[in-house]
């Protein structure tokens, strides 16, 4: 009885290992398919963006926003530098 029980447990352990391996393969395949779909989605988005016509007015607004962003960043930097310089006088 002990030999049969040992062989049975060995067989079950082997079957569980095989099941887990197959499950891992299936999960990897699923992640691979998901990533391929993400790539395809990003390619479609890139195609749509490339086909968009950007008018001069849109370019002007975009450039103005970038300029405003950089000006605000520069002001913030100057403000923090000024605050650091003023600390010893408080």
PDB file of N, CA and C in Angstrom:
ATOM      1  N   UNK A   1       0.831  -1.202   0.000  1.00  0.00           N
ATOM      2  CA  UNK A   1       0.000   0.000   0.000  1.00  0.00           C
ATOM      3  C   UNK A   1       0.867   1.253   0.000  1.00  0.00           C
ATOM      4  N   UNK A   2       1.966   1.243   0.701  1.00  0.00           N
ATOM      5  CA  UNK A   2       2.837   2.407   0.787  1.00  0.00           C
ATOM      6  C   UNK A   2       3.454   2.763  -0.552  1.00  0.00           C
ATOM      7  N   UNK A   3       3.844   1.751  -1.349  1.00  0.00           N
ATOM      8  CA  UNK A   3       4.448   2.010  -2.654  1.00  0.00           C
ATOM      9  C   UNK A   3       3.418   2.616  -3.593  1.00  0.00           C
ATOM     10  N   UNK A   4       2.223   2.075  -3.603  1.00  0.00           N
ATOM     11  CA  UNK A   4       1.162   2.598  -4.470  1.00  0.00           C
ATOM     12  C   UNK A   4       0.773   4.021  -4.083  1.00  0.00           C
ATOM     13  N   UNK A   5       0.708   4.251  -2.797  1.00  0.00           N
ATOM     14  CA  UNK A   5       0.349   5.597  -2.337  1.00  0.00           C
ATOM     15  C   UNK A   5       1.444   6.592  -2.731  1.00  0.00           C
ATOM     16  N   UNK A   6       2.702   6.198  -2.600  1.00  0.00           N
ATOM     17  CA  UNK A   6       3.817   7.067  -2.993  1.00  0.00           C
ATOM     18  C   UNK A   6       3.795   7.356  -4.483  1.00  0.00           C
ATOM     19  N   UNK A   7       3.531   6.330  -5.290  1.00  0.00           N
ATOM     20  CA  UNK A   7       3.446   6.530  -6.742  1.00  0.00           C
ATOM     21  C   UNK A   7       2.262   7.428  -7.101  1.00  0.00           C
ATOM     22  N   UNK A   8       1.148   7.239  -6.399  1.00  0.00           N
ATOM     23  CA  UNK A   8      -0.032   8.076  -6.647  1.00  0.00           C
ATOM     24  C   UNK A   8       0.241   9.537  -6.317  1.00  0.00           C
ATOM     25  N   UNK A   9       0.888   9.781  -5.189  1.00  0.00           N
ATOM     26  CA  UNK A   9       1.224  11.156  -4.801  1.00  0.00           C
ATOM     27  C   UNK A   9       2.204  11.772  -5.788  1.00  0.00           C
ATOM     28  N   UNK A  10       3.155  10.949  -6.264  1.00  0.00           N
ATOM     29  CA  UNK A  10       4.115  11.423  -7.255  1.00  0.00           C
ATOM     30  C   UNK A  10       3.406  11.801  -8.553  1.00  0.00           C
ATOM     31  N   UNK A  11       2.461  10.953  -8.949  1.00  0.00           N
ATOM     32  CA  UNK A  11       1.683  11.202 -10.172  1.00  0.00           C
ATOM     33  C   UNK A  11       0.857  12.483 -10.027  1.00  0.00           C
ATOM     34  N   UNK A  12       0.231  12.675  -8.878  1.00  0.00           N
ATOM     35  CA  UNK A  12      -0.569  13.887  -8.640  1.00  0.00           C
ATOM     36  C   UNK A  12       0.318  15.121  -8.650  1.00  0.00           C
ATOM     37  N   UNK A  13       1.489  15.029  -8.024  1.00  0.00           N
ATOM     38  CA  UNK A  13       2.420  16.166  -8.014  1.00  0.00           C
ATOM     39  C   UNK A  13       2.851  16.506  -9.436  1.00  0.00           C
ATOM     40  N   UNK A  14       3.092  15.493 -10.239  1.00  0.00           N
ATOM     41  CA  UNK A  14       3.482  15.706 -11.634  1.00  0.00           C
ATOM     42  C   UNK A  14       2.349  16.355 -12.418  1.00  0.00           C
ATOM     43  N   UNK A  15       1.123  15.906 -12.172  1.00  0.00           N
ATOM     44  CA  UNK A  15      -0.032  16.477 -12.867  1.00  0.00           C
ATOM     45  C   UNK A  15      -0.253  17.940 -12.467  1.00  0.00           C
ATOM     46  N   UNK A  16      -0.078  18.247 -11.188  1.00  0.00           N
ATOM     47  CA  UNK A  16      -0.231  19.631 -10.709  1.00  0.00           C
ATOM     48  C   UNK A  16       0.840  20.516 -11.343  1.00  0.00           C
ATOM     49  N   UNK A  17       2.075  20.011 -11.408  1.00  0.00           N
ATOM     50  CA  UNK A  17       3.166  20.774 -12.018  1.00  0.00           C
ATOM     51  C   UNK A  17       2.875  21.041 -13.493  1.00  0.00           C
ATOM     52  N   UNK A  18       2.370  20.026 -14.189  1.00  0.00           N
ATOM     53  CA  UNK A  18       2.017  20.175 -15.601  1.00  0.00           C
ATOM     54  C   UNK A  18       0.891  21.191 -15.771  1.00  0.00           C
ATOM     55  N   UNK A  19      -0.109  21.137 -14.886  1.00  0.00           N
ATOM     56  CA  UNK A  19      -1.237  22.079 -14.940  1.00  0.00           C
ATOM     57  C   UNK A  19      -0.746  23.511 -14.730  1.00  0.00           C
ATOM     58  N   UNK A  20       0.113  23.699 -13.717  1.00  0.00           N
ATOM     59  CA  UNK A  20       0.633  25.042 -13.427  1.00  0.00           C
ATOM     60  C   UNK A  20       1.470  25.571 -14.590  1.00  0.00           C
ATOM     61  N   UNK A  21       2.245  24.680 -15.207  1.00  0.00           N
ATOM     62  CA  UNK A  21       3.059  25.089 -16.354  1.00  0.00           C
ATOM     63  C   UNK A  21       2.171  25.553 -17.507  1.00  0.00           C
ATOM     64  N   UNK A  22       1.138  24.755 -17.821  1.00  0.00           N
ATOM     65  CA  UNK A  22       0.213  25.125 -18.899  1.00  0.00           C
ATOM     66  C   UNK A  22      -0.508  26.428 -18.573  1.00  0.00           C
ATOM     67  N   UNK A  23      -0.881  26.600 -17.315  1.00  0.00           N
ATOM     68  CA  UNK A  23      -1.554  27.832 -16.891  1.00  0.00           C
ATOM     69  C   UNK A  23      -0.632  29.032 -17.101  1.00  0.00           C
ATOM     70  N   UNK A  24       0.648  28.863 -16.765  1.00  0.00           N
ATOM     71  CA  UNK A  24       1.622  29.937 -16.976  1.00  0.00           C
ATOM     72  C   UNK A  24       1.781  30.279 -18.446  1.00  0.00           C
ATOM     73  N   UNK A  25       1.822  29.253 -19.294  1.00  0.00           N
ATOM     74  CA  UNK A  25       1.929  29.480 -20.740  1.00  0.00           C
ATOM     75  C   UNK A  25       0.706  30.240 -21.249  1.00  0.00           C
ATOM     76  N   UNK A  26      -0.463  29.829 -20.806  1.00  0.00           N
ATOM     77  CA  UNK A  26      -1.695  30.503 -21.234  1.00  0.00           C
ATOM     78  C   UNK A  26      -1.689  31.960 -20.790  1.00  0.00           C
ATOM     79  N   UNK A  27      -1.229  32.241 -19.572  1.00  0.00           N
ATOM     80  CA  UNK A  27      -1.159  33.619 -19.088  1.00  0.00           C
ATOM     81  C   UNK A  27      -0.171  34.440 -19.915  1.00  0.00           C
ATOM     82  N   UNK A  28       0.983  33.849 -20.228  1.00  0.00           N
ATOM     83  CA  UNK A  28       1.965  34.562 -21.054  1.00  0.00           C
ATOM     84  C   UNK A  28       1.409  34.864 -22.442  1.00  0.00           C
ATOM     85  N   UNK A  29       0.705  33.899 -23.030  1.00  0.00           N
ATOM     86  CA  UNK A  29       0.096  34.131 -24.335  1.00  0.00           C
ATOM     87  C   UNK A  29      -0.947  35.235 -24.260  1.00  0.00           C
ATOM     88  N   UNK A  30      -1.731  35.254 -23.178  1.00  0.00           N
ATOM     89  CA  UNK A  30      -2.748  36.288 -23.011  1.00  0.00           C
ATOM     90  C   UNK A  30      -2.094  37.664 -22.911  1.00  0.00           C
ATOM     91  N   UNK A  31      -1.021  37.785 -22.103  1.00  0.00           N
ATOM     92  CA  UNK A  31      -0.319  39.067 -21.979  1.00  0.00           C
ATOM     93  C   UNK A  31       0.278  39.486 -23.322  1.00  0.00           C
ATOM     94  N   UNK A  32       0.807  38.522 -24.056  1.00  0.00           N
ATOM     95  CA  UNK A  32       1.385  38.827 -25.365  1.00  0.00           C
ATOM     96  C   UNK A  32       0.311  39.373 -26.304  1.00  0.00           C
ATOM     97  N   UNK A  33      -0.846  38.718 -26.352  1.00  0.00           N
ATOM     98  CA  UNK A  33      -1.947  39.185 -27.208  1.00  0.00           C
ATOM     99  C   UNK A  33      -2.411  40.571 -26.775  1.00  0.00           C
ATOM    100  N   UNK A  34      -2.497  40.787 -25.458  1.00  0.00           N
ATOM    101  CA  UNK A  34      -2.923  42.090 -24.937  1.00  0.00           C
ATOM    102  C   UNK A  34      -1.938  43.180 -25.372  1.00  0.00           C
ATOM    103  N   UNK A  35      -0.642  42.887 -25.276  1.00  0.00           N
ATOM    104  CA  UNK A  35       0.368  43.868 -25.670  1.00  0.00           C
ATOM    105  C   UNK A  35       0.340  44.130 -27.172  1.00  0.00           C
ATOM    106  N   UNK A  36       0.089  43.085 -27.972  1.00  0.00           N
ATOM    107  CA  UNK A  36      -0.041  43.283 -29.418  1.00  0.00           C
ATOM    108  C   UNK A  36      -1.228  44.188 -29.735  1.00  0.00           C
ATOM    109  N   UNK A  37      -2.328  44.008 -29.002  1.00  0.00           N
ATOM    110  CA  UNK A  37      -3.493  44.857 -29.212  1.00  0.00           C
ATOM    111  C   UNK A  37      -3.198  46.298 -28.798  1.00  0.00           C
ATOM    112  N   UNK A  38      -2.439  46.487 -27.721  1.00  0.00           N
ATOM    113  CA  UNK A  38      -2.055  47.844 -27.311  1.00  0.00           C
ATOM    114  C   UNK A  38      -1.196  48.502 -28.383  1.00  0.00           C
ATOM    115  N   UNK A  39      -0.259  47.736 -28.943  1.00  0.00           N
ATOM    116  CA  UNK A  39       0.601  48.268 -30.001  1.00  0.00           C
ATOM    117  C   UNK A  39      -0.241  48.687 -31.197  1.00  0.00           C
ATOM    118  N   UNK A  40      -1.184  47.836 -31.583  1.00  0.00           N
ATOM    119  CA  UNK A  40      -2.054  48.157 -32.713  1.00  0.00           C
ATOM    120  C   UNK A  40      -2.885  49.402 -32.423  1.00  0.00           C
ATOM    121  N   UNK A  41      -3.389  49.521 -31.210  1.00  0.00           N
ATOM    122  CA  UNK A  41      -4.164  50.700 -30.819  1.00  0.00           C
ATOM    123  C   UNK A  41      -3.306  51.963 -30.894  1.00  0.00           C
ATOM    124  N   UNK A  42      -2.078  51.882 -30.399  1.00  0.00           N
ATOM    125  CA  UNK A  42      -1.186  53.047 -30.448  1.00  0.00           C
ATOM    126  C   UNK A  42      -0.824  53.414 -31.887  1.00  0.00           C
ATOM    127  N   UNK A  43      -0.658  52.397 -32.739  1.00  0.00           N
ATOM    128  CA  UNK A  43      -0.385  52.682 -34.154  1.00  0.00           C
ATOM    129  C   UNK A  43      -1.558  53.404 -34.787  1.00  0.00           C
ATOM    130  N   UNK A  44      -2.776  52.968 -34.455  1.00  0.00           N
ATOM    131  CA  UNK A  44      -3.976  53.638 -34.991  1.00  0.00           C
ATOM    132  C   UNK A  44      -4.060  55.077 -34.494  1.00  0.00           C
ATOM    133  N   UNK A  45      -3.773  55.290 -33.216  1.00  0.00           N
ATOM    134  CA  UNK A  45      -3.796  56.658 -32.679  1.00  0.00           C
ATOM    135  C   UNK A  45      -2.745  57.520 -33.360  1.00  0.00           C
ATOM    136  N   UNK A  46      -1.553  56.952 -33.588  1.00  0.00           N
ATOM    137  CA  UNK A  46      -0.488  57.694 -34.242  1.00  0.00           C
ATOM    138  C   UNK A  46      -0.889  58.032 -35.679  1.00  0.00           C
ATOM    139  N   UNK A  47      -1.546  57.093 -36.363  1.00  0.00           N
ATOM    140  CA  UNK A  47      -2.006  57.331 -37.730  1.00  0.00           C
ATOM    141  C   UNK A  47      -3.018  58.474 -37.762  1.00  0.00           C
ATOM    142  N   UNK A  48      -3.935  58.486 -36.789  1.00  0.00           N
ATOM    143  CA  UNK A  48      -4.945  59.551 -36.717  1.00  0.00           C
ATOM    144  C   UNK A  48      -4.278  60.899 -36.470  1.00  0.00           C
ATOM    145  N   UNK A  49      -3.313  60.921 -35.553  1.00  0.00           N
ATOM    146  CA  UNK A  49      -2.614  62.180 -35.244  1.00  0.00           C
ATOM    147  C   UNK A  49      -1.839  62.669 -36.453  1.00  0.00           C
ATOM    148  N   UNK A  50      -1.183  61.752 -37.167  1.00  0.00           N
ATOM    149  CA  UNK A  50      -0.414  62.147 -38.353  1.00  0.00           C
ATOM    150  C   UNK A  50      -1.312  62.673 -39.467  1.00  0.00           C
ATOM    151  N   UNK A  51      -2.556  62.198 -39.535  1.00  0.00           N
ATOM    152  CA  UNK A  51      -3.470  62.638 -40.583  1.00  0.00           C
ATOM    153  C   UNK A  51      -4.133  63.976 -40.244  1.00  0.00           C
ATOM    154  N   UNK A  52      -4.060  64.386 -38.968  1.00  0.00           N
ATOM    155  CA  UNK A  52      -4.679  65.646 -38.572  1.00  0.00           C
ATOM    156  C   UNK A  52      -3.964  66.821 -39.225  1.00  0.00           C
ATOM    157  N   UNK A  53      -4.748  67.745 -39.688  1.00  0.00           N
ATOM    158  CA  UNK A  53      -4.174  68.970 -40.238  1.00  0.00           C
ATOM    159  C   UNK A  53      -4.123  70.002 -39.127  1.00  0.00           C
ATOM    160  N   UNK A  54      -2.961  70.580 -38.936  1.00  0.00           N
ATOM    161  CA  UNK A  54      -2.794  71.592 -37.902  1.00  0.00           C
ATOM    162  C   UNK A  54      -2.738  72.945 -38.590  1.00  0.00           C
ATOM    163  N   UNK A  55      -3.730  73.765 -38.316  1.00  0.00           N
ATOM    164  CA  UNK A  55      -3.797  75.083 -38.943  1.00  0.00           C
ATOM    165  C   UNK A  55      -2.799  76.017 -38.275  1.00  0.00           C
ATOM    166  N   UNK A  56      -2.553  77.133 -38.915  1.00  0.00           N
ATOM    167  CA  UNK A  56      -1.635  78.120 -38.342  1.00  0.00           C
ATOM    168  C   UNK A  56      -2.163  78.662 -37.023  1.00  0.00           C
ATOM    169  N   UNK A  57      -3.486  78.782 -36.933  1.00  0.00           N
ATOM    170  CA  UNK A  57      -4.077  79.273 -35.691  1.00  0.00           C
ATOM    171  C   UNK A  57      -3.806  78.294 -34.550  1.00  0.00           C
ATOM    172  N   UNK A  58      -3.975  77.000 -34.804  1.00  0.00           N
ATOM    173  CA  UNK A  58      -3.694  75.990 -33.774  1.00  0.00           C
ATOM    174  C   UNK A  58      -2.217  76.021 -33.407  1.00  0.00           C
ATOM    175  N   UNK A  59      -1.336  76.142 -34.413  1.00  0.00           N
ATOM    176  CA  UNK A  59       0.100  76.225 -34.149  1.00  0.00           C
ATOM    177  C   UNK A  59       0.417  77.440 -33.291  1.00  0.00           C
ATOM    178  N   UNK A  60      -0.245  78.561 -33.590  1.00  0.00           N
ATOM    179  CA  UNK A  60      -0.013  79.783 -32.832  1.00  0.00           C
ATOM    180  C   UNK A  60      -0.429  79.609 -31.375  1.00  0.00           C
ATOM    181  N   UNK A  61      -1.593  79.010 -31.153  1.00  0.00           N
ATOM    182  CA  UNK A  61      -2.071  78.777 -29.788  1.00  0.00           C
ATOM    183  C   UNK A  61      -1.131  77.824 -29.065  1.00  0.00           C
ATOM    184  N   UNK A  62      -0.709  76.788 -29.763  1.00  0.00           N
ATOM    185  CA  UNK A  62       0.210  75.806 -29.166  1.00  0.00           C
ATOM    186  C   UNK A  62       1.524  76.478 -28.779  1.00  0.00           C
ATOM    187  N   UNK A  63       2.063  77.283 -29.680  1.00  0.00           N
ATOM    188  CA  UNK A  63       3.327  77.972 -29.380  1.00  0.00           C
ATOM    189  C   UNK A  63       3.152  78.953 -28.228  1.00  0.00           C
ATOM    190  N   UNK A  64       2.010  79.628 -28.181  1.00  0.00           N
ATOM    191  CA  UNK A  64       1.735  80.561 -27.081  1.00  0.00           C
ATOM    192  C   UNK A  64       1.663  79.822 -25.752  1.00  0.00           C
ATOM    193  N   UNK A  65       1.039  78.663 -25.746  1.00  0.00           N
ATOM    194  CA  UNK A  65       0.940  77.881 -24.518  1.00  0.00           C
ATOM    195  C   UNK A  65       2.314  77.434 -24.049  1.00  0.00           C
ATOM    196  N   UNK A  66       3.161  76.995 -24.991  1.00  0.00           N
ATOM    197  CA  UNK A  66       4.514  76.591 -24.622  1.00  0.00           C
ATOM    198  C   UNK A  66       5.299  77.773 -24.061  1.00  0.00           C
ATOM    199  N   UNK A  67       5.156  78.931 -24.705  1.00  0.00           N
ATOM    200  CA  UNK A  67       5.856  80.122 -24.239  1.00  0.00           C
ATOM    201  C   UNK A  67       5.376  80.511 -22.846  1.00  0.00           C
ATOM    202  N   UNK A  68       4.071  80.476 -22.631  1.00  0.00           N
ATOM    203  CA  UNK A  68       3.514  80.807 -21.323  1.00  0.00           C
ATOM    204  C   UNK A  68       4.012  79.830 -20.254  1.00  0.00           C
ATOM    205  N   UNK A  69       4.059  78.559 -20.588  1.00  0.00           N
ATOM    206  CA  UNK A  69       4.552  77.547 -19.653  1.00  0.00           C
ATOM    207  C   UNK A  69       5.995  77.849 -19.242  1.00  0.00           C
ATOM    208  N   UNK A  70       6.837  78.129 -20.227  1.00  0.00           N
ATOM    209  CA  UNK A  70       8.243  78.408 -19.910  1.00  0.00           C
ATOM    210  C   UNK A  70       8.395  79.692 -19.101  1.00  0.00           C
ATOM    211  N   UNK A  71       7.563  80.702 -19.413  1.00  0.00           N
ATOM    212  CA  UNK A  71       7.626  81.947 -18.644  1.00  0.00           C
ATOM    213  C   UNK A  71       7.209  81.704 -17.192  1.00  0.00           C
ATOM    214  N   UNK A  72       6.156  80.925 -16.985  1.00  0.00           N
ATOM    215  CA  UNK A  72       5.711  80.611 -15.626  1.00  0.00           C
ATOM    216  C   UNK A  72       6.771  79.814 -14.872  1.00  0.00           C
ATOM    217  N   UNK A  73       7.399  78.881 -15.555  1.00  0.00           N
ATOM    218  CA  UNK A  73       8.455  78.083 -14.923  1.00  0.00           C
ATOM    219  C   UNK A  73       9.622  78.972 -14.522  1.00  0.00           C
ATOM    220  N   UNK A  74       9.983  79.906 -15.383  1.00  0.00           N
ATOM    221  CA  UNK A  74      11.087  80.821 -15.087  1.00  0.00           C
ATOM    222  C   UNK A  74      10.725  81.722 -13.902  1.00  0.00           C
ATOM    223  N   UNK A  75       9.494  82.237 -13.870  1.00  0.00           N
ATOM    224  CA  UNK A  75       9.053  83.083 -12.754  1.00  0.00           C
ATOM    225  C   UNK A  75       9.059  82.291 -11.446  1.00  0.00           C
ATOM    226  N   UNK A  76       8.618  81.062 -11.507  1.00  0.00           N
ATOM    227  CA  UNK A  76       8.596  80.224 -10.317  1.00  0.00           C
ATOM    228  C   UNK A  76      10.009  79.984  -9.807  1.00  0.00           C
ATOM    229  N   UNK A  77      10.926  79.726 -10.729  1.00  0.00           N
ATOM    230  CA  UNK A  77      12.323  79.514 -10.359  1.00  0.00           C
ATOM    231  C   UNK A  77      12.906  80.773  -9.716  1.00  0.00           C
ATOM    232  N   UNK A  78      12.633  81.926 -10.323  1.00  0.00           N
ATOM    233  CA  UNK A  78      13.141  83.192  -9.764  1.00  0.00           C
ATOM    234  C   UNK A  78      12.528  83.455  -8.398  1.00  0.00           C
ATOM    235  N   UNK A  79      11.240  83.151  -8.238  1.00  0.00           N
ATOM    236  CA  UNK A  79      10.564  83.369  -6.965  1.00  0.00           C
ATOM    237  C   UNK A  79      11.176  82.494  -5.879  1.00  0.00           C
ATOM    238  N   UNK A  80      11.424  81.233  -6.173  1.00  0.00           N
ATOM    239  CA  UNK A  80      12.003  80.347  -5.155  1.00  0.00           C
ATOM    240  C   UNK A  80      13.428  80.760  -4.824  1.00  0.00           C
ATOM    241  N   UNK A  81      14.173  81.233  -5.821  1.00  0.00           N
ATOM    242  CA  UNK A  81      15.534  81.709  -5.571  1.00  0.00           C
ATOM    243  C   UNK A  81      15.498  82.955  -4.689  1.00  0.00           C
ATOM    244  N   UNK A  82      14.565  83.844  -4.956  1.00  0.00           N
ATOM    245  CA  UNK A  82      14.421  85.055  -4.161  1.00  0.00           C
ATOM    246  C   UNK A  82      14.046  84.711  -2.718  1.00  0.00           C
ATOM    247  N   UNK A  83      13.157  83.741  -2.547  1.00  0.00           N
ATOM    248  CA  UNK A  83      12.781  83.322  -1.195  1.00  0.00           C
ATOM    249  C   UNK A  83      13.972  82.762  -0.432  1.00  0.00           C
ATOM    250  N   UNK A  84      14.803  81.983  -1.111  1.00  0.00           N
ATOM    251  CA  UNK A  84      15.997  81.427  -0.465  1.00  0.00           C
ATOM    252  C   UNK A  84      16.969  82.520  -0.058  1.00  0.00           C
ATOM    253  N   UNK A  85      17.065  83.549  -0.892  1.00  0.00           N
ATOM    254  CA  UNK A  85      17.969  84.649  -0.567  1.00  0.00           C
ATOM    255  C   UNK A  85      17.455  85.479   0.590  1.00  0.00           C
ATOM    256  N   UNK A  86      16.133  85.538   0.776  1.00  0.00           N
ATOM    257  CA  UNK A  86      15.532  86.365   1.807  1.00  0.00           C
ATOM    258  C   UNK A  86      15.509  85.666   3.157  1.00  0.00           C
ATOM    259  N   UNK A  87      15.725  84.367   3.239  1.00  0.00           N
ATOM    260  CA  UNK A  87      15.660  83.632   4.506  1.00  0.00           C
ATOM    261  C   UNK A  87      16.597  84.204   5.562  1.00  0.00           C
ATOM    262  N   UNK A  88      17.853  84.535   5.242  1.00  0.00           N
ATOM    263  CA  UNK A  88      18.729  85.059   6.325  1.00  0.00           C
ATOM    264  C   UNK A  88      18.249  86.377   6.920  1.00  0.00           C
ATOM    265  N   UNK A  89      17.424  87.152   6.200  1.00  0.00           N
ATOM    266  CA  UNK A  89      16.984  88.452   6.681  1.00  0.00           C
ATOM    267  C   UNK A  89      15.723  88.382   7.516  1.00  0.00           C
ATOM    268  N   UNK A  90      15.135  87.212   7.677  1.00  0.00           N
ATOM    269  CA  UNK A  90      13.897  87.099   8.452  1.00  0.00           C
ATOM    270  C   UNK A  90      14.158  87.054   9.915  1.00  0.00           C
TER     271      UNK A  90
END
